[in-house]
Amino acid sequence: MARIAGVDIPKDKKVSYSLRYVHGIGLNTAMKVCELAKVDPNVRVTDLSSKDEDAIRKVIVDLRLLIEGELRSENLRNVKRLQDIGSYRGVRHRKSLPVRGQRTKTNSRTKRSGRKQTMSLKKAA
């Protein structure tokens, strides 16, 4: 099993799709990494040589992509900054409500998970 950026990528999938298991790498970035590393994106990970794996790792480092822990901490810092300045989005994050203008009267059940719907009990006949 190949290990790239601290993540074990699946060996039975194509390289372009298995790179997506790294947080911060989508399909377009994976295709770009394969192109720069001169690796066929349609080959399976099991068929990669160690030289190809090293080339992929080197390209990811050279592109200076924010991936895995760095990206997660960057996102947390951004949310914390919004909360600290008291912006509308920060307040919505703090209250665990939808941030991007979605309605909350009927939807957003998962975001408002603290609320439970009470079922009316039928009277026994």
N, C-alpha and C. Protein backbone atom coordinates (compact mmCIF):
# COMPACT_ATOMS: atom_id res chain seq x y z
N MET A 1 0.85 -1.17 0.00
CA MET A 1 0.00 0.00 0.00
C MET A 1 0.89 1.23 0.00
N ALA A 2 0.66 2.12 -0.94
CA ALA A 2 1.47 3.33 -1.07
C ALA A 2 1.07 4.33 0.01
N ARG A 3 2.07 5.04 0.51
CA ARG A 3 1.83 6.03 1.55
C ARG A 3 2.29 7.38 1.03
N ILE A 4 1.35 8.27 0.86
CA ILE A 4 1.65 9.60 0.34
C ILE A 4 1.07 10.63 1.29
N ALA A 5 1.91 11.55 1.74
CA ALA A 5 1.53 12.63 2.65
C ALA A 5 0.93 12.07 3.94
N GLY A 6 1.43 10.94 4.40
CA GLY A 6 0.97 10.37 5.65
C GLY A 6 -0.34 9.62 5.54
N VAL A 7 -0.80 9.37 4.32
CA VAL A 7 -2.09 8.69 4.11
C VAL A 7 -1.83 7.44 3.28
N ASP A 8 -2.39 6.32 3.72
CA ASP A 8 -2.33 5.09 2.93
C ASP A 8 -3.39 5.18 1.84
N ILE A 9 -2.94 5.29 0.59
CA ILE A 9 -3.91 5.38 -0.50
C ILE A 9 -4.25 3.97 -0.96
N PRO A 10 -5.49 3.74 -1.41
CA PRO A 10 -5.90 2.40 -1.81
C PRO A 10 -5.11 1.91 -3.02
N LYS A 11 -4.70 0.66 -2.97
CA LYS A 11 -3.84 0.13 -4.02
C LYS A 11 -4.61 -0.46 -5.19
N ASP A 12 -5.90 -0.70 -5.02
CA ASP A 12 -6.66 -1.33 -6.10
C ASP A 12 -7.31 -0.31 -7.03
N LYS A 13 -7.14 0.98 -6.78
CA LYS A 13 -7.75 2.01 -7.61
C LYS A 13 -6.72 2.67 -8.51
N LYS A 14 -7.21 3.44 -9.47
CA LYS A 14 -6.31 4.18 -10.35
C LYS A 14 -5.65 5.31 -9.56
N VAL A 15 -4.49 5.72 -10.02
CA VAL A 15 -3.70 6.71 -9.29
C VAL A 15 -4.46 8.02 -9.12
N SER A 16 -5.13 8.47 -10.19
CA SER A 16 -5.82 9.76 -10.12
C SER A 16 -6.94 9.75 -9.09
N TYR A 17 -7.56 8.60 -8.88
CA TYR A 17 -8.65 8.53 -7.91
C TYR A 17 -8.14 8.21 -6.50
N SER A 18 -7.07 7.47 -6.40
CA SER A 18 -6.58 7.15 -5.07
C SER A 18 -5.87 8.34 -4.43
N LEU A 19 -5.34 9.26 -5.22
CA LEU A 19 -4.74 10.46 -4.65
C LEU A 19 -5.77 11.34 -3.96
N ARG A 20 -7.03 11.17 -4.32
CA ARG A 20 -8.10 11.97 -3.72
C ARG A 20 -8.35 11.61 -2.27
N TYR A 21 -7.77 10.51 -1.79
CA TYR A 21 -7.92 10.14 -0.38
C TYR A 21 -7.08 11.04 0.52
N VAL A 22 -6.18 11.81 -0.07
CA VAL A 22 -5.40 12.79 0.69
C VAL A 22 -6.26 14.04 0.81
N HIS A 23 -6.46 14.51 2.05
CA HIS A 23 -7.30 15.68 2.29
C HIS A 23 -6.66 16.90 1.64
N GLY A 24 -7.39 17.54 0.73
CA GLY A 24 -6.88 18.72 0.05
C GLY A 24 -6.51 18.47 -1.39
N ILE A 25 -6.62 17.24 -1.86
CA ILE A 25 -6.34 16.92 -3.26
C ILE A 25 -7.62 16.42 -3.91
N GLY A 26 -8.08 17.16 -4.90
CA GLY A 26 -9.26 16.76 -5.65
C GLY A 26 -8.85 16.13 -6.96
N LEU A 27 -9.81 15.93 -7.84
CA LEU A 27 -9.54 15.25 -9.10
C LEU A 27 -8.64 16.09 -10.00
N ASN A 28 -8.93 17.39 -10.11
CA ASN A 28 -8.10 18.24 -10.98
C ASN A 28 -6.67 18.30 -10.48
N THR A 29 -6.49 18.45 -9.19
CA THR A 29 -5.13 18.50 -8.63
C THR A 29 -4.43 17.17 -8.81
N ALA A 30 -5.16 16.07 -8.64
CA ALA A 30 -4.57 14.75 -8.82
C ALA A 30 -4.11 14.55 -10.26
N MET A 31 -4.90 15.00 -11.21
CA MET A 31 -4.51 14.89 -12.62
C MET A 31 -3.28 15.75 -12.91
N LYS A 32 -3.24 16.94 -12.30
CA LYS A 32 -2.09 17.82 -12.49
C LYS A 32 -0.82 17.20 -11.90
N VAL A 33 -0.95 16.59 -10.71
CA VAL A 33 0.19 15.94 -10.07
C VAL A 33 0.69 14.79 -10.94
N CYS A 34 -0.23 14.00 -11.48
CA CYS A 34 0.17 12.88 -12.34
C CYS A 34 0.88 13.39 -13.60
N GLU A 35 0.38 14.48 -14.15
CA GLU A 35 0.98 15.04 -15.36
C GLU A 35 2.40 15.54 -15.08
N LEU A 36 2.59 16.25 -13.97
CA LEU A 36 3.91 16.79 -13.64
C LEU A 36 4.88 15.70 -13.23
N ALA A 37 4.35 14.62 -12.62
CA ALA A 37 5.22 13.51 -12.21
C ALA A 37 5.47 12.54 -13.36
N LYS A 38 4.82 12.80 -14.51
CA LYS A 38 4.95 11.93 -15.69
C LYS A 38 4.53 10.50 -15.37
N VAL A 39 3.37 10.40 -14.69
CA VAL A 39 2.79 9.10 -14.34
C VAL A 39 1.43 9.02 -15.03
N ASP A 40 1.13 7.89 -15.62
CA ASP A 40 -0.17 7.69 -16.26
C ASP A 40 -1.25 7.65 -15.18
N PRO A 41 -2.25 8.56 -15.22
CA PRO A 41 -3.28 8.58 -14.19
C PRO A 41 -4.20 7.37 -14.21
N ASN A 42 -4.19 6.60 -15.30
CA ASN A 42 -5.08 5.45 -15.41
C ASN A 42 -4.45 4.14 -14.95
N VAL A 43 -3.21 4.18 -14.51
CA VAL A 43 -2.55 2.97 -14.04
C VAL A 43 -2.94 2.74 -12.57
N ARG A 44 -2.99 1.49 -12.17
CA ARG A 44 -3.35 1.16 -10.78
C ARG A 44 -2.16 1.44 -9.86
N VAL A 45 -2.45 1.71 -8.60
CA VAL A 45 -1.40 2.03 -7.64
C VAL A 45 -0.48 0.83 -7.43
N THR A 46 -1.02 -0.38 -7.52
CA THR A 46 -0.18 -1.57 -7.33
C THR A 46 0.88 -1.69 -8.42
N ASP A 47 0.60 -1.12 -9.60
CA ASP A 47 1.53 -1.21 -10.72
C ASP A 47 2.58 -0.10 -10.71
N LEU A 48 2.49 0.82 -9.75
CA LEU A 48 3.46 1.91 -9.67
C LEU A 48 4.79 1.40 -9.14
N SER A 49 5.86 1.92 -9.69
CA SER A 49 7.17 1.59 -9.15
C SER A 49 7.48 2.56 -8.00
N SER A 50 8.48 2.24 -7.24
CA SER A 50 8.84 3.14 -6.12
C SER A 50 9.35 4.47 -6.66
N LYS A 51 9.93 4.45 -7.86
CA LYS A 51 10.39 5.70 -8.49
C LYS A 51 9.21 6.61 -8.80
N ASP A 52 8.10 6.01 -9.28
CA ASP A 52 6.89 6.79 -9.58
C ASP A 52 6.29 7.37 -8.31
N GLU A 53 6.25 6.58 -7.24
CA GLU A 53 5.72 7.06 -5.96
C GLU A 53 6.54 8.23 -5.45
N ASP A 54 7.87 8.13 -5.56
CA ASP A 54 8.74 9.22 -5.12
C ASP A 54 8.51 10.47 -5.97
N ALA A 55 8.27 10.28 -7.28
CA ALA A 55 8.02 11.42 -8.15
C ALA A 55 6.73 12.12 -7.76
N ILE A 56 5.70 11.34 -7.41
CA ILE A 56 4.44 11.94 -6.98
C ILE A 56 4.63 12.72 -5.68
N ARG A 57 5.34 12.13 -4.73
CA ARG A 57 5.61 12.83 -3.46
C ARG A 57 6.37 14.13 -3.70
N LYS A 58 7.36 14.09 -4.60
CA LYS A 58 8.18 15.27 -4.88
C LYS A 58 7.34 16.38 -5.52
N VAL A 59 6.44 16.01 -6.43
CA VAL A 59 5.59 17.01 -7.09
C VAL A 59 4.67 17.66 -6.07
N ILE A 60 4.11 16.89 -5.16
CA ILE A 60 3.21 17.44 -4.14
C ILE A 60 3.97 18.44 -3.26
N VAL A 61 5.21 18.10 -2.91
CA VAL A 61 6.02 19.02 -2.11
C VAL A 61 6.38 20.27 -2.91
N ASP A 62 6.73 20.08 -4.18
CA ASP A 62 7.14 21.21 -5.02
C ASP A 62 5.99 22.18 -5.29
N LEU A 63 4.78 21.67 -5.39
CA LEU A 63 3.62 22.53 -5.63
C LEU A 63 3.20 23.32 -4.39
N ARG A 64 3.75 22.94 -3.25
CA ARG A 64 3.44 23.59 -1.96
C ARG A 64 1.94 23.59 -1.70
N LEU A 65 1.32 22.44 -1.88
CA LEU A 65 -0.11 22.31 -1.63
C LEU A 65 -0.37 22.22 -0.13
N LEU A 66 -1.43 22.84 0.31
CA LEU A 66 -1.87 22.67 1.69
C LEU A 66 -2.67 21.38 1.72
N ILE A 67 -2.15 20.38 2.42
CA ILE A 67 -2.84 19.10 2.49
C ILE A 67 -2.82 18.60 3.92
N GLU A 68 -3.74 17.71 4.20
CA GLU A 68 -3.87 17.04 5.49
C GLU A 68 -3.88 18.01 6.67
N GLY A 69 -2.97 17.86 7.61
CA GLY A 69 -3.00 18.62 8.86
C GLY A 69 -2.90 20.12 8.68
N GLU A 70 -2.05 20.54 7.74
CA GLU A 70 -1.90 21.98 7.50
C GLU A 70 -3.20 22.60 7.01
N LEU A 71 -3.88 21.91 6.11
CA LEU A 71 -5.14 22.42 5.57
C LEU A 71 -6.22 22.45 6.64
N ARG A 72 -6.30 21.38 7.43
CA ARG A 72 -7.31 21.34 8.50
C ARG A 72 -7.09 22.45 9.51
N SER A 73 -5.83 22.68 9.90
CA SER A 73 -5.55 23.74 10.88
C SER A 73 -5.81 25.12 10.28
N GLU A 74 -5.53 25.29 8.99
CA GLU A 74 -5.82 26.56 8.31
C GLU A 74 -7.32 26.83 8.33
N ASN A 75 -8.14 25.82 8.04
CA ASN A 75 -9.59 25.99 8.06
C ASN A 75 -10.08 26.32 9.46
N LEU A 76 -9.53 25.65 10.47
CA LEU A 76 -9.94 25.94 11.85
C LEU A 76 -9.56 27.37 12.24
N ARG A 77 -8.39 27.82 11.81
CA ARG A 77 -7.98 29.20 12.11
C ARG A 77 -8.91 30.21 11.45
N ASN A 78 -9.33 29.92 10.22
CA ASN A 78 -10.24 30.83 9.52
C ASN A 78 -11.58 30.94 10.24
N VAL A 79 -12.11 29.80 10.69
CA VAL A 79 -13.39 29.81 11.40
C VAL A 79 -13.24 30.52 12.73
N LYS A 80 -12.14 30.28 13.43
CA LYS A 80 -11.90 30.93 14.72
C LYS A 80 -11.78 32.44 14.55
N ARG A 81 -11.14 32.88 13.46
CA ARG A 81 -11.01 34.31 13.19
C ARG A 81 -12.39 34.94 12.99
N LEU A 82 -13.24 34.26 12.24
CA LEU A 82 -14.60 34.78 12.03
C LEU A 82 -15.37 34.87 13.35
N GLN A 83 -15.18 33.88 14.22
CA GLN A 83 -15.87 33.90 15.51
C GLN A 83 -15.33 35.01 16.39
N ASP A 84 -14.02 35.23 16.36
CA ASP A 84 -13.42 36.25 17.22
C ASP A 84 -13.84 37.65 16.84
N ILE A 85 -13.97 37.93 15.54
CA ILE A 85 -14.36 39.28 15.15
C ILE A 85 -15.87 39.48 15.24
N GLY A 86 -16.60 38.39 15.49
CA GLY A 86 -18.04 38.50 15.70
C GLY A 86 -18.84 38.70 14.44
N SER A 87 -18.33 38.23 13.32
CA SER A 87 -19.06 38.38 12.07
C SER A 87 -20.29 37.47 12.07
N TYR A 88 -21.18 37.72 11.13
CA TYR A 88 -22.40 36.93 11.03
C TYR A 88 -22.06 35.45 10.83
N ARG A 89 -21.12 35.18 9.94
CA ARG A 89 -20.72 33.80 9.69
C ARG A 89 -20.11 33.16 10.93
N GLY A 90 -19.34 33.93 11.68
CA GLY A 90 -18.75 33.41 12.91
C GLY A 90 -19.79 33.06 13.95
N VAL A 91 -20.82 33.91 14.06
CA VAL A 91 -21.91 33.64 15.01
C VAL A 91 -22.66 32.39 14.60
N ARG A 92 -22.89 32.21 13.30
CA ARG A 92 -23.59 31.02 12.82
C ARG A 92 -22.76 29.77 13.09
N HIS A 93 -21.43 29.86 12.93
CA HIS A 93 -20.57 28.73 13.26
C HIS A 93 -20.67 28.41 14.74
N ARG A 94 -20.65 29.42 15.58
CA ARG A 94 -20.67 29.21 17.03
C ARG A 94 -21.98 28.55 17.46
N LYS A 95 -23.09 28.93 16.82
CA LYS A 95 -24.39 28.37 17.19
C LYS A 95 -24.69 27.06 16.48
N SER A 96 -23.78 26.58 15.67
CA SER A 96 -23.96 25.35 14.88
C SER A 96 -25.21 25.42 14.00
N LEU A 97 -25.30 26.51 13.27
CA LEU A 97 -26.39 26.71 12.32
C LEU A 97 -25.78 26.82 10.91
N PRO A 98 -26.60 26.66 9.87
CA PRO A 98 -26.06 26.81 8.52
C PRO A 98 -25.49 28.20 8.30
N VAL A 99 -24.35 28.26 7.62
CA VAL A 99 -23.60 29.51 7.50
C VAL A 99 -23.91 30.24 6.21
N ARG A 100 -24.25 29.53 5.16
CA ARG A 100 -24.31 30.12 3.83
C ARG A 100 -25.71 30.46 3.36
N GLY A 101 -26.59 30.86 4.26
CA GLY A 101 -27.88 31.40 3.86
C GLY A 101 -28.97 30.38 3.63
N GLN A 102 -28.77 29.12 4.03
CA GLN A 102 -29.81 28.12 3.83
C GLN A 102 -30.95 28.37 4.82
N ARG A 103 -32.13 27.90 4.46
CA ARG A 103 -33.26 28.05 5.36
C ARG A 103 -33.15 27.05 6.50
N THR A 104 -33.73 27.39 7.64
CA THR A 104 -33.63 26.50 8.79
C THR A 104 -34.99 26.07 9.31
N LYS A 105 -36.06 26.58 8.72
CA LYS A 105 -37.38 26.21 9.24
C LYS A 105 -37.67 24.74 9.00
N THR A 106 -37.38 24.25 7.80
CA THR A 106 -37.72 22.86 7.51
C THR A 106 -36.50 21.98 7.27
N ASN A 107 -35.39 22.56 6.90
CA ASN A 107 -34.22 21.75 6.58
C ASN A 107 -33.14 21.91 7.66
N SER A 108 -31.93 21.52 7.36
CA SER A 108 -30.77 21.59 8.24
C SER A 108 -30.95 20.74 9.49
N ARG A 109 -31.53 19.56 9.31
CA ARG A 109 -31.74 18.66 10.46
C ARG A 109 -30.41 18.19 11.05
N THR A 110 -29.44 17.91 10.20
CA THR A 110 -28.18 17.41 10.73
C THR A 110 -27.39 18.51 11.42
N LYS A 111 -27.48 19.72 10.93
CA LYS A 111 -26.74 20.82 11.54
C LYS A 111 -27.35 21.18 12.90
N ARG A 112 -28.66 21.08 13.01
CA ARG A 112 -29.33 21.39 14.28
C ARG A 112 -29.61 20.10 15.03
N SER A 113 -28.63 19.26 15.19
CA SER A 113 -28.86 17.92 15.72
C SER A 113 -29.29 17.93 17.19
N GLY A 114 -29.09 19.02 17.89
CA GLY A 114 -29.48 19.06 19.30
C GLY A 114 -30.99 19.05 19.49
N ARG A 115 -31.71 19.45 18.48
CA ARG A 115 -33.17 19.51 18.58
C ARG A 115 -33.77 18.17 18.17
N LYS A 116 -34.67 17.67 18.95
CA LYS A 116 -35.35 16.41 18.64
C LYS A 116 -36.82 16.71 18.37
N GLN A 117 -37.36 16.03 17.39
CA GLN A 117 -38.76 16.20 17.08
C GLN A 117 -39.56 15.34 18.05
N THR A 118 -40.56 15.96 18.70
CA THR A 118 -41.36 15.20 19.65
C THR A 118 -42.51 14.54 18.92
N MET A 119 -42.71 13.27 19.17
CA MET A 119 -43.80 12.55 18.53
C MET A 119 -45.02 12.61 19.44
N SER A 120 -46.16 12.84 18.83
CA SER A 120 -47.38 12.84 19.62
C SER A 120 -47.79 11.39 19.87
N LEU A 121 -48.14 11.09 21.08
CA LEU A 121 -48.52 9.73 21.44
C LEU A 121 -50.00 9.51 21.19
N LYS A 122 -50.33 8.39 20.58
CA LYS A 122 -51.73 8.07 20.34
C LYS A 122 -52.34 7.52 21.63
N LYS A 123 -53.57 7.90 21.84
CA LYS A 123 -54.25 7.38 23.03
C LYS A 123 -54.65 5.93 22.79
N ALA A 124 -54.50 5.14 23.81
CA ALA A 124 -54.92 3.75 23.70
C ALA A 124 -56.43 3.67 23.70
N ALA A 125 -56.98 2.88 22.82
CA ALA A 125 -58.44 2.81 22.70
C ALA A 125 -59.04 1.92 23.76
